[in-house]
Amino acid sequence: MNRKELVDAVAKNAGLTKKDSEAVVKAFTETVSESLEKGDKVQLVGFGTFEVVERSERTGKNPITGTDITIPASRVPKFKAGKALKDTVNE
């Protein structure tokens, strides 16, 4: 499902116009992004948790030359599915 399909599905399920559902999807993604940027966790009970994890500096290999390279430390977003979502997927 891409963004347009998500907007269409939200409009249909919530009884909103496509313009309103586009605004809802945009507001949701922006709000989650801003919270993660600040280091906050976004927890939707039953659905899952969005959070930022720290990756430490590590050594990797250049796939072309085979030489060792240093991959710098970084912060990456992570999503952990909640129990209700896991149960729905596994039905």
PDB file of N, CA and C in Angstrom:
ATOM      1  N   MET A   1       0.850  -1.175   0.000  1.00  0.00           N
ATOM      2  CA  MET A   1       0.000   0.000   0.000  1.00  0.00           C
ATOM      3  C   MET A   1       0.891   1.232   0.000  1.00  0.00           C
ATOM      4  N   ASN A   2       0.670   2.130  -0.941  1.00  0.00           N
ATOM      5  CA  ASN A   2       1.433   3.373  -0.965  1.00  0.00           C
ATOM      6  C   ASN A   2       0.630   4.485  -0.290  1.00  0.00           C
ATOM      7  N   ARG A   3       1.180   5.691  -0.267  1.00  0.00           N
ATOM      8  CA  ARG A   3       0.540   6.803   0.436  1.00  0.00           C
ATOM      9  C   ARG A   3      -0.840   7.118  -0.130  1.00  0.00           C
ATOM     10  N   LYS A   4      -0.972   7.139  -1.461  1.00  0.00           N
ATOM     11  CA  LYS A   4      -2.262   7.457  -2.077  1.00  0.00           C
ATOM     12  C   LYS A   4      -3.310   6.411  -1.708  1.00  0.00           C
ATOM     13  N   GLU A   5      -2.924   5.145  -1.731  1.00  0.00           N
ATOM     14  CA  GLU A   5      -3.847   4.077  -1.357  1.00  0.00           C
ATOM     15  C   GLU A   5      -4.233   4.178   0.118  1.00  0.00           C
ATOM     16  N   LEU A   6      -3.287   4.573   0.971  1.00  0.00           N
ATOM     17  CA  LEU A   6      -3.577   4.767   2.383  1.00  0.00           C
ATOM     18  C   LEU A   6      -4.576   5.897   2.576  1.00  0.00           C
ATOM     19  N   VAL A   7      -4.366   7.002   1.884  1.00  0.00           N
ATOM     20  CA  VAL A   7      -5.289   8.138   1.971  1.00  0.00           C
ATOM     21  C   VAL A   7      -6.688   7.711   1.533  1.00  0.00           C
ATOM     22  N   ASP A   8      -6.782   6.967   0.441  1.00  0.00           N
ATOM     23  CA  ASP A   8      -8.078   6.491  -0.041  1.00  0.00           C
ATOM     24  C   ASP A   8      -8.752   5.578   0.986  1.00  0.00           C
ATOM     25  N   ALA A   9      -7.984   4.678   1.595  1.00  0.00           N
ATOM     26  CA  ALA A   9      -8.539   3.763   2.583  1.00  0.00           C
ATOM     27  C   ALA A   9      -9.009   4.502   3.835  1.00  0.00           C
ATOM     28  N   VAL A  10      -8.232   5.486   4.284  1.00  0.00           N
ATOM     29  CA  VAL A  10      -8.618   6.279   5.453  1.00  0.00           C
ATOM     30  C   VAL A  10      -9.898   7.049   5.150  1.00  0.00           C
ATOM     31  N   ALA A  11      -9.983   7.628   3.958  1.00  0.00           N
ATOM     32  CA  ALA A  11     -11.182   8.370   3.568  1.00  0.00           C
ATOM     33  C   ALA A  11     -12.404   7.461   3.590  1.00  0.00           C
ATOM     34  N   LYS A  12     -12.259   6.272   3.063  1.00  0.00           N
ATOM     35  CA  LYS A  12     -13.380   5.327   3.001  1.00  0.00           C
ATOM     36  C   LYS A  12     -13.775   4.853   4.402  1.00  0.00           C
ATOM     37  N   ASN A  13     -12.782   4.441   5.220  1.00  0.00           N
ATOM     38  CA  ASN A  13     -13.073   3.892   6.548  1.00  0.00           C
ATOM     39  C   ASN A  13     -13.583   4.933   7.539  1.00  0.00           C
ATOM     40  N   ALA A  14     -13.121   6.161   7.413  1.00  0.00           N
ATOM     41  CA  ALA A  14     -13.509   7.199   8.369  1.00  0.00           C
ATOM     42  C   ALA A  14     -14.642   8.082   7.852  1.00  0.00           C
ATOM     43  N   GLY A  15     -15.055   7.888   6.606  1.00  0.00           N
ATOM     44  CA  GLY A  15     -16.120   8.715   6.049  1.00  0.00           C
ATOM     45  C   GLY A  15     -15.682  10.148   5.827  1.00  0.00           C
ATOM     46  N   LEU A  16     -14.412  10.338   5.496  1.00  0.00           N
ATOM     47  CA  LEU A  16     -13.870  11.673   5.248  1.00  0.00           C
ATOM     48  C   LEU A  16     -13.681  11.879   3.754  1.00  0.00           C
ATOM     49  N   THR A  17     -13.480  13.132   3.389  1.00  0.00           N
ATOM     50  CA  THR A  17     -13.109  13.402   2.000  1.00  0.00           C
ATOM     51  C   THR A  17     -11.649  13.025   1.824  1.00  0.00           C
ATOM     52  N   LYS A  18     -11.242  12.836   0.581  1.00  0.00           N
ATOM     53  CA  LYS A  18      -9.836  12.494   0.325  1.00  0.00           C
ATOM     54  C   LYS A  18      -8.921  13.635   0.765  1.00  0.00           C
ATOM     55  N   LYS A  19      -9.393  14.870   0.603  1.00  0.00           N
ATOM     56  CA  LYS A  19      -8.588  16.027   1.019  1.00  0.00           C
ATOM     57  C   LYS A  19      -8.381  16.012   2.532  1.00  0.00           C
ATOM     58  N   ASP A  20      -9.459  15.724   3.282  1.00  0.00           N
ATOM     59  CA  ASP A  20      -9.347  15.668   4.741  1.00  0.00           C
ATOM     60  C   ASP A  20      -8.473  14.498   5.195  1.00  0.00           C
ATOM     61  N   SER A  21      -8.637  13.347   4.555  1.00  0.00           N
ATOM     62  CA  SER A  21      -7.829  12.196   4.953  1.00  0.00           C
ATOM     63  C   SER A  21      -6.359  12.400   4.594  1.00  0.00           C
ATOM     64  N   GLU A  22      -6.078  13.114   3.497  1.00  0.00           N
ATOM     65  CA  GLU A  22      -4.687  13.462   3.156  1.00  0.00           C
ATOM     66  C   GLU A  22      -4.094  14.331   4.255  1.00  0.00           C
ATOM     67  N   ALA A  23      -4.873  15.276   4.776  1.00  0.00           N
ATOM     68  CA  ALA A  23      -4.404  16.140   5.864  1.00  0.00           C
ATOM     69  C   ALA A  23      -4.152  15.331   7.135  1.00  0.00           C
ATOM     70  N   VAL A  24      -5.009  14.346   7.407  1.00  0.00           N
ATOM     71  CA  VAL A  24      -4.832  13.495   8.592  1.00  0.00           C
ATOM     72  C   VAL A  24      -3.554  12.676   8.478  1.00  0.00           C
ATOM     73  N   VAL A  25      -3.338  12.040   7.338  1.00  0.00           N
ATOM     74  CA  VAL A  25      -2.145  11.216   7.137  1.00  0.00           C
ATOM     75  C   VAL A  25      -0.889  12.084   7.224  1.00  0.00           C
ATOM     76  N   LYS A  26      -0.932  13.255   6.601  1.00  0.00           N
ATOM     77  CA  LYS A  26       0.224  14.160   6.635  1.00  0.00           C
ATOM     78  C   LYS A  26       0.505  14.623   8.058  1.00  0.00           C
ATOM     79  N   ALA A  27      -0.547  14.992   8.799  1.00  0.00           N
ATOM     80  CA  ALA A  27      -0.372  15.447  10.180  1.00  0.00           C
ATOM     81  C   ALA A  27       0.184  14.326  11.056  1.00  0.00           C
ATOM     82  N   PHE A  28      -0.297  13.099  10.840  1.00  0.00           N
ATOM     83  CA  PHE A  28       0.192  11.963  11.623  1.00  0.00           C
ATOM     84  C   PHE A  28       1.681  11.729  11.377  1.00  0.00           C
ATOM     85  N   THR A  29       2.082  11.674  10.103  1.00  0.00           N
ATOM     86  CA  THR A  29       3.488  11.401   9.803  1.00  0.00           C
ATOM     87  C   THR A  29       4.397  12.523  10.293  1.00  0.00           C
ATOM     88  N   GLU A  30       3.946  13.776  10.152  1.00  0.00           N
ATOM     89  CA  GLU A  30       4.754  14.899  10.626  1.00  0.00           C
ATOM     90  C   GLU A  30       4.883  14.886  12.145  1.00  0.00           C
ATOM     91  N   THR A  31       3.796  14.578  12.840  1.00  0.00           N
ATOM     92  CA  THR A  31       3.822  14.560  14.296  1.00  0.00           C
ATOM     93  C   THR A  31       4.725  13.451  14.819  1.00  0.00           C
ATOM     94  N   VAL A  32       4.641  12.267  14.226  1.00  0.00           N
ATOM     95  CA  VAL A  32       5.511  11.159  14.637  1.00  0.00           C
ATOM     96  C   VAL A  32       6.967  11.518  14.348  1.00  0.00           C
ATOM     97  N   SER A  33       7.239  12.081  13.176  1.00  0.00           N
ATOM     98  CA  SER A  33       8.614  12.466  12.820  1.00  0.00           C
ATOM     99  C   SER A  33       9.178  13.495  13.789  1.00  0.00           C
ATOM    100  N   GLU A  34       8.380  14.506  14.129  1.00  0.00           N
ATOM    101  CA  GLU A  34       8.837  15.552  15.049  1.00  0.00           C
ATOM    102  C   GLU A  34       9.113  14.971  16.436  1.00  0.00           C
ATOM    103  N   SER A  35       8.250  14.072  16.898  1.00  0.00           N
ATOM    104  CA  SER A  35       8.448  13.453  18.210  1.00  0.00           C
ATOM    105  C   SER A  35       9.716  12.618  18.236  1.00  0.00           C
ATOM    106  N   LEU A  36       9.949  11.848  17.178  1.00  0.00           N
ATOM    107  CA  LEU A  36      11.155  11.028  17.117  1.00  0.00           C
ATOM    108  C   LEU A  36      12.407  11.895  17.032  1.00  0.00           C
ATOM    109  N   GLU A  37      12.308  13.008  16.311  1.00  0.00           N
ATOM    110  CA  GLU A  37      13.445  13.926  16.190  1.00  0.00           C
ATOM    111  C   GLU A  37      13.848  14.465  17.555  1.00  0.00           C
ATOM    112  N   LYS A  38      12.867  14.696  18.435  1.00  0.00           N
ATOM    113  CA  LYS A  38      13.129  15.188  19.780  1.00  0.00           C
ATOM    114  C   LYS A  38      13.604  14.077  20.716  1.00  0.00           C
ATOM    115  N   GLY A  39      13.522  12.826  20.247  1.00  0.00           N
ATOM    116  CA  GLY A  39      13.946  11.701  21.075  1.00  0.00           C
ATOM    117  C   GLY A  39      12.804  11.070  21.846  1.00  0.00           C
ATOM    118  N   ASP A  40      11.571  11.523  21.605  1.00  0.00           N
ATOM    119  CA  ASP A  40      10.409  10.960  22.290  1.00  0.00           C
ATOM    120  C   ASP A  40       9.978   9.652  21.637  1.00  0.00           C
ATOM    121  N   LYS A  41       9.247   8.865  22.394  1.00  0.00           N
ATOM    122  CA  LYS A  41       8.692   7.608  21.912  1.00  0.00           C
ATOM    123  C   LYS A  41       7.213   7.846  21.614  1.00  0.00           C
ATOM    124  N   VAL A  42       6.688   7.270  20.534  1.00  0.00           N
ATOM    125  CA  VAL A  42       5.272   7.366  20.200  1.00  0.00           C
ATOM    126  C   VAL A  42       4.679   5.974  20.342  1.00  0.00           C
ATOM    127  N   GLN A  43       3.789   5.818  21.338  1.00  0.00           N
ATOM    128  CA  GLN A  43       3.233   4.506  21.627  1.00  0.00           C
ATOM    129  C   GLN A  43       1.732   4.511  21.358  1.00  0.00           C
ATOM    130  N   LEU A  44       1.301   3.641  20.446  1.00  0.00           N
ATOM    131  CA  LEU A  44      -0.105   3.468  20.129  1.00  0.00           C
ATOM    132  C   LEU A  44      -0.499   2.091  20.643  1.00  0.00           C
ATOM    133  N   VAL A  45      -1.161   2.046  21.790  1.00  0.00           N
ATOM    134  CA  VAL A  45      -1.491   0.782  22.442  1.00  0.00           C
ATOM    135  C   VAL A  45      -2.282  -0.108  21.488  1.00  0.00           C
ATOM    136  N   GLY A  46      -1.846  -1.336  21.348  1.00  0.00           N
ATOM    137  CA  GLY A  46      -2.491  -2.294  20.469  1.00  0.00           C
ATOM    138  C   GLY A  46      -1.939  -2.278  19.054  1.00  0.00           C
ATOM    139  N   PHE A  47      -1.323  -1.172  18.654  1.00  0.00           N
ATOM    140  CA  PHE A  47      -0.765  -1.075  17.303  1.00  0.00           C
ATOM    141  C   PHE A  47       0.741  -1.249  17.326  1.00  0.00           C
ATOM    142  N   GLY A  48       1.430  -0.390  18.083  1.00  0.00           N
ATOM    143  CA  GLY A  48       2.884  -0.504  18.160  1.00  0.00           C
ATOM    144  C   GLY A  48       3.540   0.750  18.689  1.00  0.00           C
ATOM    145  N   THR A  49       4.862   0.723  18.696  1.00  0.00           N
ATOM    146  CA  THR A  49       5.651   1.823  19.243  1.00  0.00           C
ATOM    147  C   THR A  49       6.710   2.258  18.233  1.00  0.00           C
ATOM    148  N   PHE A  50       6.768   3.558  18.005  1.00  0.00           N
ATOM    149  CA  PHE A  50       7.820   4.164  17.196  1.00  0.00           C
ATOM    150  C   PHE A  50       8.832   4.745  18.168  1.00  0.00           C
ATOM    151  N   GLU A  51      10.121   4.476  17.948  1.00  0.00           N
ATOM    152  CA  GLU A  51      11.152   5.043  18.808  1.00  0.00           C
ATOM    153  C   GLU A  51      12.455   5.193  18.029  1.00  0.00           C
ATOM    154  N   VAL A  52      13.391   5.899  18.625  1.00  0.00           N
ATOM    155  CA  VAL A  52      14.707   6.102  18.016  1.00  0.00           C
ATOM    156  C   VAL A  52      15.709   5.269  18.791  1.00  0.00           C
ATOM    157  N   VAL A  53      16.551   4.537  18.069  1.00  0.00           N
ATOM    158  CA  VAL A  53      17.612   3.757  18.715  1.00  0.00           C
ATOM    159  C   VAL A  53      18.961   4.265  18.220  1.00  0.00           C
ATOM    160  N   GLU A  54      19.949   4.135  19.086  1.00  0.00           N
ATOM    161  CA  GLU A  54      21.309   4.565  18.766  1.00  0.00           C
ATOM    162  C   GLU A  54      22.085   3.382  18.202  1.00  0.00           C
ATOM    163  N   ARG A  55      22.706   3.575  17.071  1.00  0.00           N
ATOM    164  CA  ARG A  55      23.610   2.566  16.514  1.00  0.00           C
ATOM    165  C   ARG A  55      25.027   3.061  16.738  1.00  0.00           C
ATOM    166  N   SER A  56      25.846   2.216  17.326  1.00  0.00           N
ATOM    167  CA  SER A  56      27.221   2.626  17.584  1.00  0.00           C
ATOM    168  C   SER A  56      28.056   2.498  16.316  1.00  0.00           C
ATOM    169  N   GLU A  57      29.209   3.134  16.354  1.00  0.00           N
ATOM    170  CA  GLU A  57      30.141   3.046  15.218  1.00  0.00           C
ATOM    171  C   GLU A  57      30.571   1.595  15.065  1.00  0.00           C
ATOM    172  N   ARG A  58      30.677   1.146  13.826  1.00  0.00           N
ATOM    173  CA  ARG A  58      31.061  -0.241  13.590  1.00  0.00           C
ATOM    174  C   ARG A  58      31.886  -0.354  12.324  1.00  0.00           C
ATOM    175  N   THR A  59      32.497  -1.504  12.152  1.00  0.00           N
ATOM    176  CA  THR A  59      33.319  -1.751  10.975  1.00  0.00           C
ATOM    177  C   THR A  59      32.523  -2.576   9.975  1.00  0.00           C
ATOM    178  N   GLY A  60      32.609  -2.195   8.712  1.00  0.00           N
ATOM    179  CA  GLY A  60      31.946  -2.930   7.645  1.00  0.00           C
ATOM    180  C   GLY A  60      32.917  -3.173   6.513  1.00  0.00           C
ATOM    181  N   LYS A  61      32.435  -3.781   5.455  1.00  0.00           N
ATOM    182  CA  LYS A  61      33.274  -4.057   4.286  1.00  0.00           C
ATOM    183  C   LYS A  61      32.681  -3.364   3.077  1.00  0.00           C
ATOM    184  N   ASN A  62      33.547  -2.755   2.277  1.00  0.00           N
ATOM    185  CA  ASN A  62      33.133  -2.201   1.001  1.00  0.00           C
ATOM    186  C   ASN A  62      32.843  -3.399   0.090  1.00  0.00           C
ATOM    187  N   PRO A  63      31.609  -3.543  -0.419  1.00  0.00           N
ATOM    188  CA  PRO A  63      31.286  -4.734  -1.201  1.00  0.00           C
ATOM    189  C   PRO A  63      32.039  -4.825  -2.529  1.00  0.00           C
ATOM    190  N   ILE A  64      32.519  -3.720  -3.039  1.00  0.00           N
ATOM    191  CA  ILE A  64      33.213  -3.732  -4.325  1.00  0.00           C
ATOM    192  C   ILE A  64      34.688  -4.084  -4.149  1.00  0.00           C
ATOM    193  N   THR A  65      35.356  -3.397  -3.214  1.00  0.00           N
ATOM    194  CA  THR A  65      36.799  -3.603  -3.054  1.00  0.00           C
ATOM    195  C   THR A  65      37.138  -4.597  -1.954  1.00  0.00           C
ATOM    196  N   GLY A  66      36.213  -4.832  -1.028  1.00  0.00           N
ATOM    197  CA  GLY A  66      36.482  -5.744   0.081  1.00  0.00           C
ATOM    198  C   GLY A  66      37.275  -5.115   1.206  1.00  0.00           C
ATOM    199  N   THR A  67      37.579  -3.814   1.119  1.00  0.00           N
ATOM    200  CA  THR A  67      38.339  -3.148   2.177  1.00  0.00           C
ATOM    201  C   THR A  67      37.432  -2.831   3.360  1.00  0.00           C
ATOM    202  N   ASP A  68      38.052  -2.757   4.531  1.00  0.00           N
ATOM    203  CA  ASP A  68      37.309  -2.398   5.734  1.00  0.00           C
ATOM    204  C   ASP A  68      36.987  -0.905   5.702  1.00  0.00           C
ATOM    205  N   ILE A  69      35.773  -0.568   6.139  1.00  0.00           N
ATOM    206  CA  ILE A  69      35.370   0.833   6.261  1.00  0.00           C
ATOM    207  C   ILE A  69      34.730   1.022   7.627  1.00  0.00           C
ATOM    208  N   THR A  70      34.748   2.238   8.101  1.00  0.00           N
ATOM    209  CA  THR A  70      34.111   2.555   9.375  1.00  0.00           C
ATOM    210  C   THR A  70      32.741   3.151   9.083  1.00  0.00           C
ATOM    211  N   ILE A  71      31.715   2.543   9.654  1.00  0.00           N
ATOM    212  CA  ILE A  71      30.352   3.059   9.519  1.00  0.00           C
ATOM    213  C   ILE A  71      30.097   3.910  10.757  1.00  0.00           C
ATOM    214  N   PRO A  72      29.809   5.195  10.571  1.00  0.00           N
ATOM    215  CA  PRO A  72      29.663   6.085  11.730  1.00  0.00           C
ATOM    216  C   PRO A  72      28.430   5.762  12.571  1.00  0.00           C
ATOM    217  N   ALA A  73      28.471   6.191  13.829  1.00  0.00           N
ATOM    218  CA  ALA A  73      27.327   6.035  14.723  1.00  0.00           C
ATOM    219  C   ALA A  73      26.157   6.844  14.167  1.00  0.00           C
ATOM    220  N   SER A  74      24.950   6.370  14.427  1.00  0.00           N
ATOM    221  CA  SER A  74      23.775   7.091  13.936  1.00  0.00           C
ATOM    222  C   SER A  74      22.564   6.782  14.805  1.00  0.00           C
ATOM    223  N   ARG A  75      21.554   7.607  14.638  1.00  0.00           N
ATOM    224  CA  ARG A  75      20.255   7.396  15.280  1.00  0.00           C
ATOM    225  C   ARG A  75      19.298   6.957  14.183  1.00  0.00           C
ATOM    226  N   VAL A  76      18.554   5.877  14.420  1.00  0.00           N
ATOM    227  CA  VAL A  76      17.632   5.371  13.406  1.00  0.00           C
ATOM    228  C   VAL A  76      16.252   5.139  14.017  1.00  0.00           C
ATOM    229  N   PRO A  77      15.194   5.376  13.232  1.00  0.00           N
ATOM    230  CA  PRO A  77      13.849   5.100  13.739  1.00  0.00           C
ATOM    231  C   PRO A  77      13.588   3.595  13.746  1.00  0.00           C
ATOM    232  N   LYS A  78      12.768   3.173  14.696  1.00  0.00           N
ATOM    233  CA  LYS A  78      12.448   1.760  14.837  1.00  0.00           C
ATOM    234  C   LYS A  78      10.958   1.646  15.162  1.00  0.00           C
ATOM    235  N   PHE A  79      10.318   0.611  14.620  1.00  0.00           N
ATOM    236  CA  PHE A  79       8.919   0.344  14.936  1.00  0.00           C
ATOM    237  C   PHE A  79       8.816  -1.050  15.520  1.00  0.00           C
ATOM    238  N   LYS A  80       8.150  -1.156  16.658  1.00  0.00           N
ATOM    239  CA  LYS A  80       7.922  -2.455  17.282  1.00  0.00           C
ATOM    240  C   LYS A  80       6.419  -2.678  17.320  1.00  0.00           C
ATOM    241  N   ALA A  81       5.952  -3.730  16.651  1.00  0.00           N
ATOM    242  CA  ALA A  81       4.523  -4.024  16.580  1.00  0.00           C
ATOM    243  C   ALA A  81       3.978  -4.419  17.943  1.00  0.00           C
ATOM    244  N   GLY A  82       2.745  -3.981  18.223  1.00  0.00           N
ATOM    245  CA  GLY A  82       2.069  -4.344  19.464  1.00  0.00           C
ATOM    246  C   GLY A  82       1.418  -5.716  19.349  1.00  0.00           C
ATOM    247  N   LYS A  83       0.970  -6.229  20.478  1.00  0.00           N
ATOM    248  CA  LYS A  83       0.394  -7.577  20.520  1.00  0.00           C
ATOM    249  C   LYS A  83      -0.844  -7.690  19.634  1.00  0.00           C
ATOM    250  N   ALA A  84      -1.734  -6.715  19.684  1.00  0.00           N
ATOM    251  CA  ALA A  84      -2.963  -6.787  18.889  1.00  0.00           C
ATOM    252  C   ALA A  84      -2.649  -6.819  17.390  1.00  0.00           C
ATOM    253  N   LEU A  85      -1.679  -6.032  16.949  1.00  0.00           N
ATOM    254  CA  LEU A  85      -1.286  -6.037  15.540  1.00  0.00           C
ATOM    255  C   LEU A  85      -0.665  -7.375  15.156  1.00  0.00           C
ATOM    256  N   LYS A  86       0.179  -7.913  16.012  1.00  0.00           N
ATOM    257  CA  LYS A  86       0.790  -9.212  15.752  1.00  0.00           C
ATOM    258  C   LYS A  86      -0.289 -10.290  15.641  1.00  0.00           C
ATOM    259  N   ASP A  87      -1.265 -10.248  16.556  1.00  0.00           N
ATOM    260  CA  ASP A  87      -2.342 -11.237  16.538  1.00  0.00           C
ATOM    261  C   ASP A  87      -3.171 -11.133  15.261  1.00  0.00           C
ATOM    262  N   THR A  88      -3.442  -9.901  14.814  1.00  0.00           N
ATOM    263  CA  THR A  88      -4.206  -9.685  13.589  1.00  0.00           C
ATOM    264  C   THR A  88      -3.470 -10.246  12.381  1.00  0.00           C
ATOM    265  N   VAL A  89      -2.172 -10.015  12.311  1.00  0.00           N
ATOM    266  CA  VAL A  89      -1.367 -10.480  11.179  1.00  0.00           C
ATOM    267  C   VAL A  89      -1.282 -12.011  11.177  1.00  0.00           C
ATOM    268  N   ASN A  90      -1.252 -12.611  12.346  1.00  0.00           N
ATOM    269  CA  ASN A  90      -1.070 -14.065  12.444  1.00  0.00           C
ATOM    270  C   ASN A  90      -2.377 -14.861  12.420  1.00  0.00           C
ATOM    271  N   GLU A  91      -3.503 -14.214  12.194  1.00  0.00           N
ATOM    272  CA  GLU A  91      -4.780 -14.941  12.136  1.00  0.00           C
ATOM    273  C   GLU A  91      -4.887 -15.768  10.900  1.00  0.00           C
TER     274      GLU A  91
END
